[in-house]
Amino acid sequence: MVQGKSTFQLEQINYRGYNKMSNRGKVIKLNANENFYGCAPEVLNSINHKITNVNLYPQHSGRLEEILAEKFSVSPQNIVTGGGSVRVIDGIVQTFVEPDEEIIIFDRSFVAYQQVAKSHRRKVHLAKQNNFVCDVNNIFPLISNKTKVIFIANPNNPTGTIISNSELELLLCEISPEILVVIDEAYFEYVTDTTFPDSLSLQRKYPNVVIVRTFSKIYGLAGLRIGYAVLEESLSERMKQNRIPFFFNLISEQAAIIALKYENFIQECKEQNNIERNYLYSSLKDSGFNVIESQANFLYLSFDDEQEKDLIFEKLLDREILICNLKIFGQDKSLRITIGNREANNKIIECLEAHNS
């Protein structure tokens, strides 16, 4: 069984405006949707020797694109890699969205879409969710002749809900093929719902589909910043022309290549996440919390009262459990909890049940 690695020795918790001393020095970090179990041990073993060469510039071999292409039965020319999925998303906006063109995203979705658009001074329209679920029907009224890119996080971050294959195809059938539909699948490896889209098949059918994925989540390599896109070859060529040099550090590409060899570790993480996700969800639901059923490695809690939400955040912090207060992303009445192991989840349940008693 995979072992948890998300307890950190910290003398001080300094997190997005929350600054307090840690009483015991050990913090269970459940705020950023990182893999609680770390990365495959073989990855660490394989990159240790690279550390002695930090005086050298990294050499991008293209080997990672070749391995990903083989894995997904596409050409290496259909793969664009970058320093994390956010850098890939930035490259999409930079390459394809002209100054007078517009972007559509869902509200309560990955905050980086708006941040990237703002950095490039591109206009963004927000599609509403229905009961914390992204509904593609809410996109259609926002589409105009200026629309260039639609970003869809699937599963959605921070709610953990998904858009099904049939729903996504409904969107793709109706919109202009000139509009790029970027499907951000950062958490797709955690999904167990059988209605989840086969995005690679959709991409072959609809060349305007761009799939963005990452090694930051289930592969446990968030600190190394490795992301990639799967897209039509002519689009890939344009992105690569805009790509900055040295977009990987010395060990990133090597780590990703090794990580792809140990799918047994990924499967174990998925199975353990599914067990603990169901356990934590059921426990919080039974305790009366408004928790959204998730297909990712986190749960979304919604509150009627902002003060109660802040109180729960502080109570968990007092017990050395750091979760995400979504106020920092403009969601004043919501919390997000990364799924931990049974010990960590029991500590959360104990704290929240005591609050409700």
Protein backbone atom coordinates (compact mmCIF):
# COMPACT_ATOMS: atom_id res chain seq x y z
CA MET A 1 0.00 0.00 0.00
CA VAL A 2 1.24 3.51 -0.81
CA GLN A 3 2.32 5.53 2.20
CA GLY A 4 1.34 9.14 2.92
CA LYS A 5 4.07 11.78 2.59
CA SER A 6 2.13 15.00 3.17
CA THR A 7 3.09 15.66 6.78
CA PHE A 8 5.70 18.41 6.80
CA GLN A 9 7.98 19.82 9.49
CA LEU A 10 7.11 23.51 9.53
CA GLU A 11 7.89 25.99 12.26
CA GLN A 12 5.45 28.47 10.81
CA ILE A 13 2.36 28.25 8.65
CA ASN A 14 2.35 31.15 6.21
CA TYR A 15 -0.42 30.62 3.72
CA ARG A 16 -2.23 33.25 1.65
CA GLY A 17 -2.66 35.77 4.42
CA TYR A 18 -2.85 33.22 7.24
CA ASN A 19 0.24 33.48 9.40
CA LYS A 20 0.46 31.65 12.69
CA MET A 21 2.97 29.66 14.65
CA SER A 22 2.82 25.89 14.49
CA ASN A 23 2.53 24.43 17.99
CA ARG A 24 3.96 21.01 17.23
CA GLY A 25 5.84 21.79 14.06
CA LYS A 26 4.15 19.10 11.95
CA VAL A 27 1.50 20.11 9.46
CA ILE A 28 -0.78 17.86 7.42
CA LYS A 29 -0.86 19.70 4.10
CA LEU A 30 -4.21 19.26 2.35
CA ASN A 31 -4.58 22.62 0.62
CA ALA A 32 -3.17 22.25 -2.90
CA ASN A 33 -4.48 18.93 -4.32
CA GLU A 34 -1.00 17.41 -4.34
CA ASN A 35 -0.62 13.64 -4.28
CA PHE A 36 -0.70 12.80 -0.57
CA TYR A 37 1.45 9.73 -1.29
CA GLY A 38 4.23 11.57 -3.08
CA CYS A 39 5.76 10.18 -6.25
CA ALA A 40 6.94 6.69 -7.14
CA PRO A 41 10.11 5.91 -5.13
CA GLU A 42 11.87 4.93 -8.33
CA VAL A 43 11.54 8.51 -9.58
CA LEU A 44 13.51 9.85 -6.63
CA ASN A 45 16.14 7.15 -7.04
CA SER A 46 16.57 7.90 -10.74
CA ILE A 47 17.04 11.66 -10.45
CA ASN A 48 19.38 11.76 -7.46
CA HIS A 49 22.47 11.73 -9.66
CA LYS A 50 21.17 14.70 -11.66
CA ILE A 51 21.49 16.98 -8.63
CA THR A 52 25.28 16.96 -8.94
CA ASN A 53 24.94 18.57 -12.39
CA VAL A 54 22.98 21.67 -11.41
CA ASN A 55 25.71 23.87 -12.92
CA LEU A 56 24.66 22.65 -16.38
CA TYR A 57 21.83 23.94 -18.55
CA PRO A 58 19.01 21.43 -19.12
CA GLN A 59 18.94 19.66 -22.46
CA HIS A 60 15.46 19.04 -23.90
CA SER A 61 15.71 15.71 -25.70
CA GLY A 62 12.15 15.38 -26.97
CA ARG A 63 12.05 11.89 -25.46
CA LEU A 64 9.09 12.74 -23.21
CA GLU A 65 7.00 13.78 -26.22
CA GLU A 66 7.87 10.49 -27.92
CA ILE A 67 6.84 8.41 -24.90
CA LEU A 68 3.58 10.33 -24.43
CA ALA A 69 2.82 10.01 -28.14
CA GLU A 70 3.31 6.25 -27.97
CA LYS A 71 1.14 6.05 -24.83
CA PHE A 72 -1.74 7.91 -26.52
CA SER A 73 -1.28 6.50 -30.04
CA VAL A 74 -0.56 9.88 -31.59
CA SER A 75 2.45 11.45 -33.28
CA PRO A 76 5.12 13.29 -31.24
CA GLN A 77 4.12 16.29 -33.35
CA ASN A 78 0.75 16.20 -31.53
CA ILE A 79 2.41 16.75 -28.14
CA VAL A 80 3.56 20.05 -26.64
CA THR A 81 5.31 19.94 -23.27
CA GLY A 82 5.93 22.82 -20.91
CA GLY A 83 6.86 23.89 -17.41
CA GLY A 84 3.58 22.85 -15.79
CA SER A 85 0.07 22.90 -17.23
CA VAL A 86 -0.30 26.60 -16.36
CA ARG A 87 2.62 27.39 -18.65
CA VAL A 88 0.92 25.33 -21.37
CA ILE A 89 -2.34 27.23 -20.79
CA ASP A 90 -0.41 30.49 -21.00
CA GLY A 91 1.06 29.32 -24.31
CA ILE A 92 -2.42 28.59 -25.67
CA VAL A 93 -3.65 32.10 -24.88
CA GLN A 94 -0.46 33.72 -26.14
CA THR A 95 -0.49 31.75 -29.39
CA PHE A 96 -4.14 31.61 -30.39
CA VAL A 97 -6.07 34.49 -28.80
CA GLU A 98 -5.66 37.82 -30.57
CA PRO A 99 -6.08 41.10 -28.60
CA ASP A 100 -9.65 41.62 -29.87
CA GLU A 101 -10.70 37.99 -29.29
CA GLU A 102 -12.37 36.53 -26.20
CA ILE A 103 -12.26 33.58 -23.82
CA ILE A 104 -15.08 31.70 -22.09
CA ILE A 105 -14.63 29.86 -18.79
CA PHE A 106 -16.92 28.63 -16.03
CA ASP A 107 -17.26 30.46 -12.77
CA ARG A 108 -15.94 28.53 -9.75
CA SER A 109 -13.26 26.98 -11.93
CA PHE A 110 -9.47 26.92 -12.09
CA VAL A 111 -8.35 30.44 -11.20
CA ALA A 112 -5.32 30.33 -13.54
CA TYR A 113 -7.54 30.74 -16.63
CA GLN A 114 -8.54 34.24 -15.57
CA GLN A 115 -5.06 35.07 -14.32
CA VAL A 116 -3.47 34.09 -17.63
CA ALA A 117 -6.11 35.94 -19.65
CA LYS A 118 -5.60 39.04 -17.51
CA SER A 119 -1.83 38.89 -17.97
CA HIS A 120 -2.39 38.97 -21.75
CA ARG A 121 -5.18 41.57 -21.47
CA ARG A 122 -7.77 39.26 -23.01
CA LYS A 123 -11.48 39.57 -22.26
CA VAL A 124 -13.13 36.71 -20.33
CA HIS A 125 -16.81 35.73 -20.11
CA LEU A 126 -18.01 33.57 -17.20
CA ALA A 127 -20.51 30.75 -17.76
CA LYS A 128 -22.61 29.93 -14.71
CA GLN A 129 -22.67 26.55 -13.01
CA ASN A 130 -25.89 24.81 -12.01
CA ASN A 131 -25.72 23.37 -8.48
CA PHE A 132 -21.91 23.28 -8.60
CA VAL A 133 -21.91 21.47 -11.96
CA CYS A 134 -20.56 22.97 -15.19
CA ASP A 135 -23.44 22.98 -17.69
CA VAL A 136 -22.37 23.37 -21.33
CA ASN A 137 -25.78 24.87 -22.15
CA ASN A 138 -24.69 27.96 -20.23
CA ILE A 139 -21.82 28.48 -22.66
CA PHE A 140 -23.90 28.95 -25.81
CA PRO A 141 -25.37 32.40 -24.96
CA LEU A 142 -21.85 33.74 -24.40
CA ILE A 143 -20.45 32.73 -27.78
CA SER A 144 -19.90 35.48 -30.33
CA ASN A 145 -17.80 36.01 -33.44
CA LYS A 146 -15.02 37.14 -31.08
CA THR A 147 -14.89 33.88 -29.11
CA LYS A 148 -11.60 32.06 -29.66
CA VAL A 149 -11.04 29.70 -26.69
CA ILE A 150 -13.31 27.89 -24.23
CA PHE A 151 -11.52 26.49 -21.17
CA ILE A 152 -13.15 23.53 -19.42
CA ALA A 153 -11.59 21.91 -16.34
CA ASN A 154 -12.77 18.30 -16.27
CA PRO A 155 -12.96 17.30 -13.44
CA ASN A 156 -13.59 20.86 -12.38
CA ASN A 157 -11.35 22.47 -9.80
CA PRO A 158 -12.43 23.28 -7.08
CA THR A 159 -15.80 21.46 -7.15
CA GLY A 160 -14.61 18.05 -8.41
CA THR A 161 -17.65 17.60 -10.67
CA ILE A 162 -17.41 16.41 -14.28
CA ILE A 163 -18.91 17.05 -17.70
CA SER A 164 -19.93 13.78 -19.36
CA ASN A 165 -18.92 12.57 -22.81
CA SER A 166 -22.38 13.25 -24.25
CA GLU A 167 -22.49 16.76 -22.77
CA LEU A 168 -19.06 17.62 -24.11
CA GLU A 169 -19.91 16.30 -27.56
CA LEU A 170 -23.08 18.39 -27.55
CA LEU A 171 -20.90 21.47 -27.20
CA LEU A 172 -18.43 20.37 -29.86
CA CYS A 173 -21.19 19.59 -32.36
CA GLU A 174 -22.77 23.02 -32.01
CA ILE A 175 -19.88 25.47 -31.97
CA SER A 176 -17.68 26.72 -34.77
CA PRO A 177 -14.60 24.56 -35.46
CA GLU A 178 -12.63 27.81 -35.33
CA ILE A 179 -13.19 27.98 -31.56
CA LEU A 180 -10.65 25.98 -29.55
CA VAL A 181 -12.10 23.89 -26.73
CA VAL A 182 -9.34 23.35 -24.17
CA ILE A 183 -10.11 20.42 -21.87
CA ASP A 184 -7.97 20.66 -18.76
CA GLU A 185 -7.71 17.13 -17.38
CA ALA A 186 -5.34 17.70 -14.47
CA TYR A 187 -7.28 15.20 -12.33
CA PHE A 188 -8.56 12.75 -14.95
CA GLU A 189 -6.54 9.83 -13.56
CA TYR A 190 -8.66 9.93 -10.38
CA VAL A 191 -12.01 9.63 -12.19
CA THR A 192 -14.13 6.50 -11.67
CA ASP A 193 -17.36 7.72 -13.34
CA THR A 194 -17.89 5.75 -16.58
CA THR A 195 -19.58 8.72 -18.29
CA PHE A 196 -16.32 10.67 -18.24
CA PRO A 197 -15.26 11.70 -21.77
CA ASP A 198 -12.73 9.84 -23.86
CA SER A 199 -11.07 13.10 -24.77
CA LEU A 200 -8.45 11.54 -27.04
CA SER A 201 -11.19 10.05 -29.22
CA LEU A 202 -12.98 13.39 -29.24
CA GLN A 203 -9.76 15.14 -30.23
CA ARG A 204 -9.40 12.85 -33.24
CA LYS A 205 -12.99 13.64 -34.25
CA TYR A 206 -12.86 17.36 -33.49
CA PRO A 207 -9.48 18.95 -34.38
CA ASN A 208 -10.36 22.07 -32.38
CA VAL A 209 -10.07 20.08 -29.13
CA VAL A 210 -6.92 20.70 -27.10
CA ILE A 211 -6.25 18.39 -24.13
CA VAL A 212 -4.09 19.71 -21.29
CA ARG A 213 -2.66 17.36 -18.65
CA THR A 214 -0.07 17.47 -15.90
CA PHE A 215 2.41 15.46 -13.85
CA SER A 216 1.65 17.61 -10.79
CA LYS A 217 -1.28 15.61 -9.41
CA ILE A 218 -1.40 11.81 -9.38
CA TYR A 219 2.23 11.49 -10.54
CA GLY A 220 3.32 13.52 -7.51
CA LEU A 221 5.73 15.85 -9.34
CA ALA A 222 4.14 19.25 -8.61
CA GLY A 223 7.44 20.79 -7.56
CA LEU A 224 9.09 19.96 -10.89
CA ARG A 225 6.49 21.72 -13.08
CA ILE A 226 5.73 19.36 -15.97
CA GLY A 227 2.64 19.72 -18.15
CA TYR A 228 1.67 18.91 -21.71
CA ALA A 229 -0.99 19.31 -24.36
CA VAL A 230 -2.32 16.89 -26.96
CA LEU A 231 -3.53 18.77 -30.02
CA GLU A 232 -3.73 18.88 -33.80
CA GLU A 233 -0.32 19.06 -35.47
CA SER A 234 -0.66 22.50 -37.05
CA LEU A 235 -1.73 23.94 -33.68
CA SER A 236 1.18 22.18 -32.00
CA GLU A 237 3.65 23.71 -34.44
CA ARG A 238 2.37 27.20 -33.70
CA MET A 239 2.67 26.68 -29.95
CA LYS A 240 6.20 25.34 -30.22
CA GLN A 241 7.25 28.41 -32.18
CA ASN A 242 6.22 30.55 -29.19
CA ARG A 243 7.66 28.27 -26.52
CA ILE A 244 10.38 29.80 -24.37
CA PRO A 245 13.79 28.04 -24.17
CA PHE A 246 14.74 25.98 -21.11
CA PHE A 247 11.09 25.29 -20.29
CA PHE A 248 12.12 22.23 -18.24
CA ASN A 249 14.67 22.25 -15.43
CA LEU A 250 17.52 19.77 -15.29
CA ILE A 251 15.56 16.89 -13.76
CA SER A 252 11.94 17.48 -14.85
CA GLU A 253 11.96 15.56 -18.12
CA GLN A 254 13.87 12.64 -16.59
CA ALA A 255 11.45 12.46 -13.66
CA ALA A 256 8.39 12.42 -15.93
CA ILE A 257 9.86 9.70 -18.14
CA ILE A 258 10.59 7.48 -15.14
CA ALA A 259 7.18 8.20 -13.58
CA LEU A 260 5.43 6.93 -16.70
CA LYS A 261 7.10 3.54 -16.25
CA TYR A 262 5.47 2.87 -12.88
CA GLU A 263 1.77 2.74 -13.65
CA ASN A 264 1.30 0.31 -10.76
CA PHE A 265 2.05 3.19 -8.38
CA ILE A 266 -0.49 5.39 -10.18
CA GLN A 267 -3.13 2.67 -9.96
CA GLU A 268 -2.50 2.23 -6.24
CA CYS A 269 -2.87 5.97 -5.69
CA LYS A 270 -6.12 6.00 -7.65
CA GLU A 271 -7.56 3.07 -5.70
CA GLN A 272 -6.54 4.52 -2.36
CA ASN A 273 -7.91 7.94 -3.30
CA ASN A 274 -11.24 6.40 -4.31
CA ILE A 275 -11.56 4.56 -1.00
CA GLU A 276 -10.66 7.59 1.09
CA ARG A 277 -12.68 10.02 -1.04
CA ASN A 278 -15.82 7.94 -0.53
CA TYR A 279 -15.08 7.58 3.18
CA LEU A 280 -14.51 11.29 3.79
CA TYR A 281 -17.45 12.33 1.61
CA SER A 282 -19.88 9.97 3.36
CA SER A 283 -18.64 10.99 6.81
CA LEU A 284 -18.98 14.72 6.13
CA LYS A 285 -22.35 14.25 4.43
CA ASP A 286 -23.65 12.25 7.39
CA SER A 287 -22.43 15.00 9.72
CA GLY A 288 -24.64 17.53 7.93
CA PHE A 289 -22.09 19.36 5.79
CA ASN A 290 -22.89 20.52 2.26
CA VAL A 291 -20.14 18.56 0.54
CA ILE A 292 -20.11 18.04 -3.22
CA GLU A 293 -19.54 14.54 -4.62
CA SER A 294 -16.17 14.59 -6.35
CA GLN A 295 -14.32 12.72 -9.09
CA ALA A 296 -10.94 14.22 -8.17
CA ASN A 297 -8.57 14.03 -5.19
CA PHE A 298 -10.36 16.72 -3.19
CA LEU A 299 -13.76 17.64 -1.77
CA TYR A 300 -15.59 20.97 -1.97
CA LEU A 301 -17.54 22.22 1.03
CA SER A 302 -20.08 25.02 0.67
CA PHE A 303 -21.41 27.05 3.62
CA ASP A 304 -24.32 29.43 4.12
CA ASP A 305 -22.27 31.52 6.50
CA GLU A 306 -18.76 32.85 5.86
CA GLN A 307 -17.99 33.09 9.57
CA GLU A 308 -18.73 29.40 10.09
CA LYS A 309 -16.48 28.54 7.16
CA ASP A 310 -13.63 30.63 8.58
CA LEU A 311 -14.12 29.08 12.02
CA ILE A 312 -13.79 25.56 10.63
CA PHE A 313 -10.69 26.56 8.67
CA GLU A 314 -9.11 27.93 11.85
CA LYS A 315 -10.09 24.90 13.94
CA LEU A 316 -8.41 22.58 11.46
CA LEU A 317 -5.37 24.86 11.36
CA ASP A 318 -5.18 24.72 15.16
CA ARG A 319 -4.94 20.94 14.79
CA GLU A 320 -2.10 21.33 12.27
CA ILE A 321 -4.31 20.53 9.26
CA LEU A 322 -3.96 23.00 6.39
CA ILE A 323 -6.81 23.03 3.85
CA CYS A 324 -7.73 25.58 1.17
CA ASN A 325 -9.86 28.53 2.18
CA LEU A 326 -11.28 29.44 -1.21
CA LYS A 327 -11.78 33.04 -0.16
CA ILE A 328 -8.37 33.65 -1.69
CA PHE A 329 -9.94 32.77 -5.05
CA GLY A 330 -13.06 34.87 -4.55
CA GLN A 331 -15.28 32.12 -3.11
CA ASP A 332 -16.08 33.51 0.31
CA LYS A 333 -18.21 30.63 1.61
CA SER A 334 -16.26 27.58 0.45
CA LEU A 335 -13.45 25.26 1.54
CA ARG A 336 -11.56 22.62 -0.41
CA ILE A 337 -9.95 19.60 1.22
CA THR A 338 -7.37 17.41 -0.49
CA ILE A 339 -8.01 13.72 0.15
CA GLY A 340 -5.48 12.29 2.61
CA ASN A 341 -4.98 8.83 4.07
CA ARG A 342 -7.27 7.32 6.71
CA GLU A 343 -5.35 8.86 9.60
CA ALA A 344 -5.54 12.36 8.12
CA ASN A 345 -9.17 11.99 7.13
CA ASN A 346 -10.14 10.78 10.60
CA LYS A 347 -8.55 13.89 12.10
CA ILE A 348 -10.65 16.05 9.80
CA ILE A 349 -13.82 14.12 10.62
CA GLU A 350 -13.14 14.29 14.35
CA CYS A 351 -12.64 18.06 14.20
CA LEU A 352 -15.72 18.76 12.07
CA GLU A 353 -17.98 16.42 14.02
CA ALA A 354 -16.92 18.16 17.22
CA HIS A 355 -17.81 21.49 15.61
CA ASN A 356 -21.31 20.25 14.74
CA SER A 357 -22.01 18.57 18.08
